Protein backbone atom coordinates (compact mmCIF):
# COMPACT_ATOMS: atom_id res chain seq x y z
CA MET A 1 -2.67 13.05 14.85
CA SER A 2 -4.05 14.26 18.13
CA VAL A 3 -6.33 13.11 21.06
CA SER A 4 -8.62 15.81 22.35
CA LYS A 5 -11.85 15.31 24.40
CA ARG A 6 -12.05 11.77 23.82
CA LEU A 7 -11.81 12.14 20.15
CA LEU A 8 -8.83 10.87 17.88
CA TRP A 9 -8.06 13.07 15.12
CA VAL A 10 -6.28 11.79 12.28
CA ASN A 11 -6.09 14.88 9.91
CA ARG A 12 -9.60 16.17 9.44
CA ALA A 13 -11.15 12.69 10.51
CA CYS A 14 -12.48 12.38 13.97
CA TYR A 15 -12.86 8.77 15.52
CA PRO A 16 -14.45 8.62 19.07
CA LEU A 17 -12.10 6.80 21.28
CA GLY A 18 -15.20 4.75 22.51
CA ASN A 19 -15.55 3.35 19.14
CA ILE A 20 -12.49 2.06 18.46
CA ALA A 21 -12.14 -1.56 18.74
CA ARG A 22 -8.40 -2.11 17.60
CA VAL A 23 -5.08 -0.31 17.34
CA HIS A 24 -2.37 -2.45 16.02
CA THR A 25 0.61 -2.33 13.93
CA TYR A 26 1.82 -4.70 11.09
CA VAL A 27 4.75 -4.79 8.58
CA VAL A 28 3.48 -4.93 4.78
CA THR A 29 6.52 -6.65 2.53
CA PRO A 30 6.12 -5.92 -1.21
CA ASP A 31 5.18 -8.92 -3.05
CA ARG A 32 8.10 -10.09 -5.01
CA GLY A 33 6.86 -13.08 -6.29
CA ALA A 34 4.16 -11.26 -7.97
CA ALA A 35 6.35 -9.07 -9.51
CA VAL A 36 8.23 -11.87 -10.90
CA LYS A 37 5.45 -13.31 -12.43
CA ARG A 38 4.33 -9.98 -13.68
CA PHE A 39 7.67 -9.38 -15.51
CA LEU A 40 7.90 -12.90 -17.17
CA VAL A 41 4.05 -12.40 -18.48
CA ILE A 42 5.04 -8.81 -19.83
CA ALA A 43 8.23 -9.88 -20.96
CA ILE A 44 7.94 -13.19 -22.74
CA LEU A 45 6.10 -11.71 -25.83
CA PRO A 46 8.46 -9.04 -26.28
CA ILE A 47 11.60 -11.15 -26.46
CA LEU A 48 9.96 -13.74 -28.65
CA VAL A 49 8.79 -11.05 -31.12
CA LEU A 50 12.31 -9.40 -30.33
CA ALA A 51 14.34 -12.75 -31.46
CA LEU A 52 12.07 -12.88 -34.60
CA ALA A 53 12.61 -9.38 -35.69
CA ILE A 54 16.46 -9.62 -35.59
CA GLU A 55 16.26 -12.07 -37.88
CA ALA A 56 13.99 -10.38 -40.00
CA SER A 57 15.52 -7.68 -42.19
CA GLY A 58 13.01 -5.14 -43.42
CA ASP A 59 11.42 -1.40 -42.59
CA GLY A 60 9.07 -2.42 -39.85
CA ALA A 61 11.69 -4.49 -38.09
CA GLY A 62 13.43 -1.76 -36.99
CA VAL A 63 10.54 -0.32 -35.32
CA ILE A 64 9.48 -3.61 -34.07
CA GLN A 65 12.71 -3.94 -32.35
CA LEU A 66 12.10 -0.34 -30.47
CA VAL A 67 8.82 -1.19 -29.37
CA CYS A 68 10.11 -4.46 -27.68
CA VAL A 69 12.92 -3.17 -26.47
CA ALA A 70 10.62 -0.06 -24.91
CA ILE A 71 8.40 -2.91 -23.24
CA LEU A 72 11.62 -4.74 -21.81
CA VAL A 73 12.80 -1.11 -20.34
CA TYR A 74 9.59 -0.82 -18.65
CA ALA A 75 8.95 -4.66 -17.39
CA VAL A 76 12.50 -4.17 -15.82
CA ALA A 77 12.41 -1.01 -14.34
CA ASP A 78 8.75 -2.24 -12.57
CA LEU A 79 10.59 -5.41 -11.45
CA LEU A 80 13.36 -3.66 -9.97
CA VAL A 81 10.95 -1.02 -7.84
CA VAL A 82 9.24 -3.69 -6.08
CA LEU A 83 12.47 -6.05 -5.68
CA PHE A 84 14.04 -2.71 -3.91
CA ARG A 85 11.22 -1.86 -2.06
CA LYS A 86 11.52 -1.85 1.64
CA PRO A 87 8.91 -3.52 4.02
CA HIS A 88 7.19 -0.64 6.00
CA SER A 89 5.24 -0.79 8.91
CA VAL A 90 1.69 -0.08 9.25
CA LEU A 91 -0.51 1.39 12.36
CA ALA A 92 -4.25 0.59 11.74
CA ILE A 93 -7.14 2.01 13.79
CA GLU A 94 -10.31 -0.13 13.61
CA THR A 95 -13.71 1.19 14.71
CA THR A 96 -16.82 -1.33 16.08
CA GLY A 97 -18.58 0.43 12.28
CA VAL A 98 -16.47 -0.26 9.00
CA ALA A 99 -14.54 3.07 9.69
CA LEU A 100 -10.46 2.31 9.21
CA ALA A 101 -7.41 4.87 9.51
CA VAL A 102 -4.09 3.37 8.66
CA LEU A 103 -0.84 5.39 8.71
CA THR A 104 2.63 4.17 7.91
CA SER A 105 6.38 4.74 8.82
CA ASN A 106 9.50 3.56 7.94
CA ASP A 107 10.19 3.56 11.99
CA ALA A 108 8.19 1.01 13.68
CA SER A 109 9.01 1.84 17.16
CA VAL A 110 7.20 5.41 16.23
CA LEU A 111 4.20 3.38 15.37
CA ALA A 112 4.31 1.27 18.91
CA ASP A 113 4.42 4.59 20.26
CA LEU A 114 1.26 5.86 19.09
CA VAL A 115 -0.46 2.20 19.52
CA ARG A 116 0.67 2.65 23.40
CA ARG A 117 -0.61 6.66 23.44
CA ILE A 118 -4.26 5.71 21.86
CA ALA A 119 -4.52 2.79 24.28
CA LEU A 120 -3.43 4.90 27.48
CA ALA A 121 -6.05 7.69 26.10
CA ILE A 122 -8.86 4.87 25.39
CA GLU A 123 -8.48 4.05 29.56
CA ASN A 124 -7.94 7.69 30.50
CA PRO A 125 -10.64 10.16 29.96
CA ASP A 126 -8.73 12.66 30.74
CA ALA A 127 -5.49 12.11 28.35
CA GLU A 128 -4.86 14.24 25.33
CA PHE A 129 -1.59 14.44 23.11
CA HIS A 130 -0.64 15.45 19.57
CA VAL A 131 1.83 13.96 17.40
CA ARG A 132 3.06 15.83 14.04
CA VAL A 133 2.52 13.61 11.09
CA GLU A 134 5.03 14.76 8.38
CA GLU A 135 3.35 13.60 5.46
CA LEU A 136 -0.30 12.53 4.69
CA THR A 137 -1.35 10.74 1.62
CA VAL A 138 -4.85 10.11 0.82
CA ASN A 139 -6.02 6.85 -1.39
CA THR A 140 -9.03 8.29 -2.97
CA LYS A 141 -9.98 4.73 -4.01
CA ASN A 142 -11.21 4.55 -0.49
CA TYR A 143 -14.06 7.12 -0.72
CA THR A 144 -15.28 6.51 -4.36
CA GLY A 145 -17.43 3.40 -3.86
CA ASP A 146 -18.01 0.10 -2.50
CA THR A 147 -14.74 -1.78 -0.89
CA VAL A 148 -14.63 -4.93 0.48
CA ASN A 149 -11.40 -6.29 2.02
CA ILE A 150 -11.17 -10.20 2.90
CA ILE A 151 -8.97 -10.72 5.74
CA GLY A 152 -7.70 -14.22 6.41
CA GLY A 153 -7.93 -17.23 4.18
CA ARG A 154 -5.79 -17.58 0.99
CA ASP A 155 -5.65 -15.81 -2.33
CA HIS A 156 -8.62 -13.36 -1.42
CA THR A 157 -8.56 -10.12 -3.74
CA GLY A 158 -11.58 -8.65 -2.31
CA ILE A 159 -14.49 -7.08 -4.24
CA VAL A 160 -14.26 -3.52 -5.71
CA LYS A 161 -17.15 -1.43 -7.36
C-alpha cells in the first residue's frame, strides 16, 4: 500500500485521495453461534442413522456407519475451525462511489497507523508513504457480478447475483 501524487495504491488498485469518503477499522469476530447451529443441523441425522445402524446388523450397516462417522468428523472439524478462529482487525477504505478496499491484520495497531497515515495524506497534498503488505488475498467473488451489502439492521444476508 502506498500514497503517491494524491493516489492511494492498494496492490494494483488505485484510489484518488479526493474520492475517499471514509477510512476506518473494525473487528470481525467469527459467528460461533451460527457454527454451532450448522453443526447441529449437519450432525443430527447422522447420529440418528448411526444409532439405528448400530442396532441393525447386515451387509450395508458397516458402510452406513462409516458414512455417518465421516459426516460427523467433518461436522466436528468444521465446528472446531470456527470456534478456535481468532477475531481479526479490518481496515476499510470507502470511496464516494461504490469502490471499497479491505485489508486485514492480526495487529490492530498496524491498521490504526494506516488510518492515520491515509488521513494525513488526504489533508496534506504533498504526503507520500509506502507500507509493505506481506500477503494479499483477493476474493474473486467481489469481481464476478452484482453484490449488495446491507449494513445495519438485523439478519441481512444481502443479495448476490
